[in-house]
Amino acid sequence: MRRAASLAIVLTLSVSSGAYGVSQESGGLGVAATFVVICGLEQGTAWQFTAGKFLTANHVVSQCASVQILTPSGEVTAHVTRRNAVYDVAEIHSSFQAPLSIALATQQPSIGSALEIRSAPDGNLTTTKGKMVSEETLNGIPALQVSAKVAPGSSGGVVMNASGQAVALVQDELLDGSHDAMAIRQPYLSLFIAGALLHTVAGTAGMGRNRGLNLTLLVVTILTFLSGAATAWTISVRRFRRAMGTDRDSDTVHAILGSVYWDGDGEWPM
């Protein structure tokens, strides 16, 4: 999503107090570890899972090797160290360290479990509450549907259980009018952090959501085309040699085909 013209650091929906704007109601768990992250004109949410290390959605930072994290003291430069375009998750490292980190849950939520999302719709850090609706797939990846509402800027936000542990990372919203969140499940986040998730690469820029799969398909398409062209050339050579006799050597045949008879469509005009 596009960066708003004005970005105020508002950590909850209501006016709050204390370090990092932590609300008294929530006790600050998760709120003090969640921030707006900026990549050029794009913005989303990042949250600290251990000191100086943050997770976000890869499509938020896909075009950046370095990003900006909005802190109460101003913008801090951070670096994308790893990304996974297939599972849409990225890791960011910064010298800035939030006072709290969000631990990953050891158990998955069940349908109907109470959950809440800490994210930054429109650049305003907010908490929304809901329940786990179902287990779905998003771009072929297992995901959770959560009834807590999200909006542009929520991508990368953290889905937390009643114990304040991360059970998923927000990737998208449903376009059916409900604005329910779709989020990648915690086991894939754990694999990504451990360096064991397939398709994880270094944090270079230019790898958008599912860009790795798209590049693979492009390479396969090019190879298929080249294979077809080579086959057509071979068939044309054979036809030419049958028509002209077999007493011509291969170099002569190819020279004639290339300069006179080749019609550009892989066929020799018979």
Protein backbone atom coordinates (compact mmCIF):
# COMPACT_ATOMS: atom_id res chain seq x y z
CA MET A 1 0.00 0.00 0.00
CA ARG A 2 1.03 3.64 -0.49
CA ARG A 3 2.65 5.66 2.26
CA ALA A 4 0.28 8.24 3.68
CA ALA A 5 1.16 11.89 3.21
CA SER A 6 1.32 12.30 6.99
CA LEU A 7 2.39 9.47 9.30
CA ALA A 8 1.52 9.94 12.96
CA ILE A 9 2.80 7.33 15.39
CA VAL A 10 -0.41 6.24 17.12
CA LEU A 11 -0.01 2.91 18.87
CA THR A 12 -3.62 2.24 19.82
CA LEU A 13 -7.04 3.37 18.67
CA SER A 14 -7.46 5.40 21.82
CA VAL A 15 -5.19 8.00 23.34
CA SER A 16 -2.62 6.13 25.39
CA SER A 17 0.22 6.86 27.75
CA GLY A 18 3.52 5.44 28.83
CA ALA A 19 6.56 4.35 26.85
CA TYR A 20 5.84 3.83 23.14
CA GLY A 21 2.24 4.89 23.71
CA VAL A 22 1.34 1.63 25.46
CA SER A 23 -2.30 1.55 26.55
CA GLN A 24 -3.11 0.77 30.15
CA GLU A 25 -5.82 -1.65 29.08
CA SER A 26 -3.56 -3.98 27.10
CA GLY A 27 -0.56 -3.72 29.40
CA GLY A 28 1.62 -3.08 26.37
CA LEU A 29 2.17 -6.70 25.33
CA GLY A 30 2.65 -6.65 21.55
CA VAL A 31 1.89 -2.95 21.21
CA ALA A 32 5.41 -1.96 22.27
CA ALA A 33 6.87 -4.47 19.83
CA THR A 34 4.88 -3.45 16.72
CA PHE A 35 5.86 -0.66 14.33
CA VAL A 36 5.17 0.94 10.98
CA VAL A 37 7.71 -0.14 8.36
CA ILE A 38 8.33 1.89 5.20
CA CYS A 39 9.76 0.79 1.85
CA GLY A 40 9.71 3.71 -0.59
CA LEU A 41 6.03 4.57 -1.12
CA GLU A 42 4.90 1.33 0.49
CA GLN A 43 4.15 0.89 4.16
CA GLY A 44 3.08 -1.96 6.38
CA THR A 45 3.68 -3.42 9.82
CA ALA A 46 6.69 -5.10 11.40
CA TRP A 47 6.98 -6.69 14.85
CA GLN A 48 9.96 -7.65 16.95
CA PHE A 49 10.31 -11.37 17.70
CA THR A 50 13.70 -11.03 19.36
CA ALA A 51 15.93 -8.07 20.16
CA GLY A 52 16.61 -6.05 17.00
CA LYS A 53 14.93 -8.58 14.68
CA PHE A 54 11.52 -8.05 13.11
CA LEU A 55 9.12 -9.95 10.88
CA THR A 56 6.90 -8.43 8.19
CA ALA A 57 5.14 -9.48 4.98
CA ASN A 58 7.57 -9.76 2.08
CA HIS A 59 5.32 -7.88 -0.34
CA VAL A 60 5.59 -4.80 1.89
CA VAL A 61 9.40 -4.67 1.51
CA SER A 62 9.81 -6.52 -1.78
CA GLN A 63 11.46 -3.59 -3.55
CA CYS A 64 13.85 -2.60 -0.76
CA ALA A 65 17.06 -3.95 0.72
CA SER A 66 16.89 -1.24 3.40
CA VAL A 67 13.72 0.08 5.04
CA GLN A 68 12.64 2.61 7.64
CA ILE A 69 11.03 1.68 10.96
CA LEU A 70 9.00 4.39 12.66
CA THR A 71 9.89 4.57 16.35
CA PRO A 72 8.88 7.13 19.00
CA SER A 73 12.25 8.78 18.42
CA GLY A 74 11.85 8.99 14.66
CA GLU A 75 12.71 6.89 11.61
CA VAL A 76 15.39 4.22 12.02
CA THR A 77 17.08 2.47 9.12
CA ALA A 78 16.84 -1.32 9.09
CA HIS A 79 17.94 -3.97 6.63
CA VAL A 80 16.05 -6.85 5.05
CA THR A 81 18.27 -9.84 5.77
CA ARG A 82 16.09 -12.67 4.44
CA ARG A 83 12.90 -12.97 2.45
CA ASN A 84 10.59 -15.67 1.14
CA ALA A 85 8.37 -14.59 -1.77
CA VAL A 86 6.43 -17.86 -1.85
CA TYR A 87 5.34 -17.71 1.81
CA ASP A 88 5.34 -13.88 1.80
CA VAL A 89 7.48 -13.29 4.88
CA ALA A 90 10.63 -11.24 5.44
CA GLU A 91 13.07 -10.66 8.29
CA ILE A 92 14.44 -7.22 9.15
CA HIS A 93 17.43 -6.40 11.37
CA SER A 94 17.95 -3.05 13.08
CA SER A 95 20.20 -1.49 15.68
CA PHE A 96 16.98 -0.28 17.26
CA GLN A 97 15.59 -2.62 19.91
CA ALA A 98 12.06 -2.37 21.26
CA PRO A 99 11.58 -2.97 25.00
CA LEU A 100 9.40 -6.03 24.34
CA SER A 101 9.42 -8.92 21.89
CA ILE A 102 6.58 -11.18 20.80
CA ALA A 103 7.27 -14.88 21.25
CA LEU A 104 5.92 -17.41 18.76
CA ALA A 105 3.18 -19.64 20.11
CA THR A 106 3.89 -23.30 20.79
CA GLN A 107 0.31 -24.36 20.03
CA GLN A 108 -1.97 -23.51 17.14
CA PRO A 109 -5.36 -21.87 17.80
CA SER A 110 -8.59 -23.74 17.18
CA ILE A 111 -11.67 -22.46 15.38
CA GLY A 112 -13.50 -20.02 17.64
CA SER A 113 -10.38 -19.08 19.63
CA ALA A 114 -10.17 -15.44 20.66
CA LEU A 115 -7.39 -13.63 18.77
CA GLU A 116 -6.23 -10.07 18.29
CA ILE A 117 -4.22 -8.34 15.61
CA ARG A 118 -1.63 -5.62 16.17
CA SER A 119 -1.03 -3.78 12.89
CA ALA A 120 -0.78 -0.33 11.30
CA PRO A 121 -3.71 0.36 8.95
CA ASP A 122 -3.13 3.72 7.27
CA GLY A 123 0.02 4.17 9.35
CA ASN A 124 -1.79 4.10 12.69
CA LEU A 125 -0.79 1.25 14.98
CA THR A 126 -3.98 -0.36 16.21
CA THR A 127 -5.35 -3.40 18.04
CA THR A 128 -8.39 -5.22 16.63
CA LYS A 129 -10.03 -8.25 18.19
CA GLY A 130 -11.78 -11.25 16.68
CA LYS A 131 -11.82 -15.01 16.46
CA MET A 132 -10.30 -17.69 14.31
CA VAL A 133 -12.91 -18.37 11.63
CA SER A 134 -11.36 -21.18 9.61
CA GLU A 135 -8.25 -22.70 8.11
CA GLU A 136 -7.85 -21.56 4.51
CA THR A 137 -5.21 -21.31 1.81
CA LEU A 138 -3.78 -18.05 0.48
CA ASN A 139 -1.92 -18.32 -2.83
CA GLY A 140 -1.63 -22.04 -2.15
CA ILE A 141 -0.16 -21.56 1.35
CA PRO A 142 -2.04 -22.74 4.50
CA ALA A 143 -3.41 -19.71 6.34
CA LEU A 144 -5.78 -18.62 9.08
CA GLN A 145 -8.92 -16.57 8.54
CA VAL A 146 -9.42 -14.21 11.49
CA SER A 147 -12.53 -12.08 12.01
CA ALA A 148 -10.44 -9.16 13.34
CA LYS A 149 -10.66 -6.41 10.73
CA VAL A 150 -7.65 -5.25 8.75
CA ALA A 151 -7.01 -2.59 6.11
CA PRO A 152 -4.17 -1.36 3.87
CA GLY A 153 -1.12 -1.01 6.13
CA SER A 154 -1.99 -4.09 8.19
CA SER A 155 0.18 -6.40 6.09
CA GLY A 156 2.93 -7.86 8.26
CA GLY A 157 0.93 -7.38 11.46
CA VAL A 158 0.96 -10.00 14.20
CA VAL A 159 -1.98 -12.25 15.12
CA MET A 160 -1.81 -13.04 18.84
CA ASN A 161 -3.54 -15.49 21.14
CA ALA A 162 -4.87 -14.74 24.62
CA SER A 163 -1.37 -15.30 26.04
CA GLY A 164 0.15 -12.63 23.82
CA GLN A 165 2.01 -15.12 21.62
CA ALA A 166 2.21 -14.90 17.83
CA VAL A 167 0.10 -17.49 16.01
CA ALA A 168 0.24 -15.93 12.52
CA LEU A 169 1.41 -12.99 10.39
CA VAL A 170 -1.10 -10.88 8.46
CA GLN A 171 -0.75 -11.11 4.69
CA ASP A 172 -4.00 -9.91 3.21
CA GLU A 173 -7.67 -9.15 3.75
CA LEU A 174 -10.67 -10.93 2.30
CA LEU A 175 -12.32 -9.03 -0.51
CA ASP A 176 -15.83 -10.27 0.29
CA GLY A 177 -16.70 -7.15 2.27
CA SER A 178 -15.89 -8.67 5.66
CA HIS A 179 -12.31 -7.30 5.77
CA ASP A 180 -11.33 -10.43 7.70
CA ALA A 181 -7.61 -11.02 7.95
CA MET A 182 -5.78 -13.81 6.15
CA ALA A 183 -2.53 -14.74 7.87
CA ILE A 184 0.32 -17.21 7.42
CA ARG A 185 0.45 -19.76 10.23
CA GLN A 186 3.07 -19.83 12.98
CA PRO A 187 4.78 -23.14 12.01
CA TYR A 188 5.94 -21.55 8.74
CA LEU A 189 7.21 -18.51 10.63
CA SER A 190 9.22 -20.78 12.92
CA LEU A 191 10.71 -22.60 9.92
CA PHE A 192 11.56 -19.29 8.29
CA ILE A 193 13.30 -17.95 11.41
CA ALA A 194 15.23 -21.23 11.72
CA GLY A 195 16.34 -20.97 8.08
CA ALA A 196 14.55 -24.18 7.18
CA LEU A 197 11.72 -22.84 4.99
CA LEU A 198 12.05 -23.62 1.28
CA HIS A 199 12.47 -20.70 -1.16
CA THR A 200 14.10 -18.43 1.46
CA VAL A 201 16.75 -16.16 -0.07
CA ALA A 202 18.98 -13.27 0.97
CA GLY A 203 17.38 -9.87 1.49
CA THR A 204 18.05 -8.39 -1.96
CA ALA A 205 15.33 -6.18 -3.43
CA GLY A 206 12.96 -7.06 -6.25
CA MET A 207 11.33 -10.28 -5.06
CA GLY A 208 7.61 -9.58 -4.71
CA ARG A 209 4.91 -11.95 -3.60
CA ASN A 210 5.34 -15.28 -5.44
CA ARG A 211 7.97 -13.62 -7.66
CA GLY A 212 10.14 -16.71 -7.29
CA LEU A 213 7.44 -18.88 -8.79
CA ASN A 214 6.88 -16.37 -11.59
CA LEU A 215 10.57 -16.37 -12.48
CA THR A 216 10.57 -20.15 -12.59
CA LEU A 217 7.61 -20.16 -14.95
CA LEU A 218 9.34 -17.57 -17.15
CA VAL A 219 12.50 -19.67 -17.41
CA VAL A 220 10.47 -22.77 -18.24
CA THR A 221 8.56 -20.85 -20.93
CA ILE A 222 11.79 -19.59 -22.54
CA LEU A 223 13.36 -23.04 -22.51
CA THR A 224 10.21 -24.55 -24.01
CA PHE A 225 10.24 -21.95 -26.81
CA LEU A 226 13.92 -22.54 -27.56
CA SER A 227 13.38 -26.29 -27.60
CA GLY A 228 10.51 -25.89 -30.06
CA ALA A 229 12.58 -23.61 -32.29
CA ALA A 230 15.47 -26.08 -32.33
CA THR A 231 13.11 -28.91 -33.26
CA ALA A 232 11.60 -26.83 -36.09
CA TRP A 233 15.08 -26.04 -37.43
CA THR A 234 16.05 -29.70 -37.44
CA ILE A 235 12.87 -30.67 -39.30
CA SER A 236 13.46 -27.93 -41.89
CA VAL A 237 17.04 -29.08 -42.47
CA ARG A 238 15.85 -32.64 -43.05
CA ARG A 239 13.18 -31.52 -45.48
CA PHE A 240 15.65 -29.38 -47.38
CA ARG A 241 18.18 -32.16 -47.66
CA ARG A 242 15.53 -34.59 -48.88
CA ALA A 243 14.44 -32.07 -51.51
CA MET A 244 17.96 -31.13 -52.65
CA GLY A 245 19.59 -34.52 -52.22
CA THR A 246 21.97 -35.73 -49.53
CA ASP A 247 25.21 -34.81 -51.30
CA ARG A 248 25.36 -31.38 -49.66
CA ASP A 249 27.29 -31.11 -46.39
CA SER A 250 25.64 -29.74 -43.24
CA ASP A 251 27.40 -26.35 -43.38
CA THR A 252 26.14 -25.72 -46.91
CA VAL A 253 22.59 -26.71 -45.96
CA HIS A 254 22.57 -24.41 -42.92
CA ALA A 255 24.03 -21.53 -44.91
CA ILE A 256 21.35 -21.83 -47.58
CA LEU A 257 18.58 -22.20 -45.01
CA GLY A 258 19.78 -19.23 -43.01
CA SER A 259 20.21 -16.85 -45.96
CA VAL A 260 17.53 -17.88 -48.44
CA TYR A 261 14.97 -20.45 -47.44
CA TRP A 262 14.30 -19.82 -43.76
CA ASP A 263 10.85 -18.23 -43.48
CA GLY A 264 11.10 -17.24 -39.79
CA ASP A 265 8.41 -19.68 -38.64
CA GLY A 266 10.56 -22.75 -38.34
CA GLU A 267 9.45 -24.15 -41.71
CA TRP A 268 11.18 -24.44 -45.09
CA PRO A 269 8.71 -23.51 -47.84
CA MET A 270 7.96 -26.72 -49.76
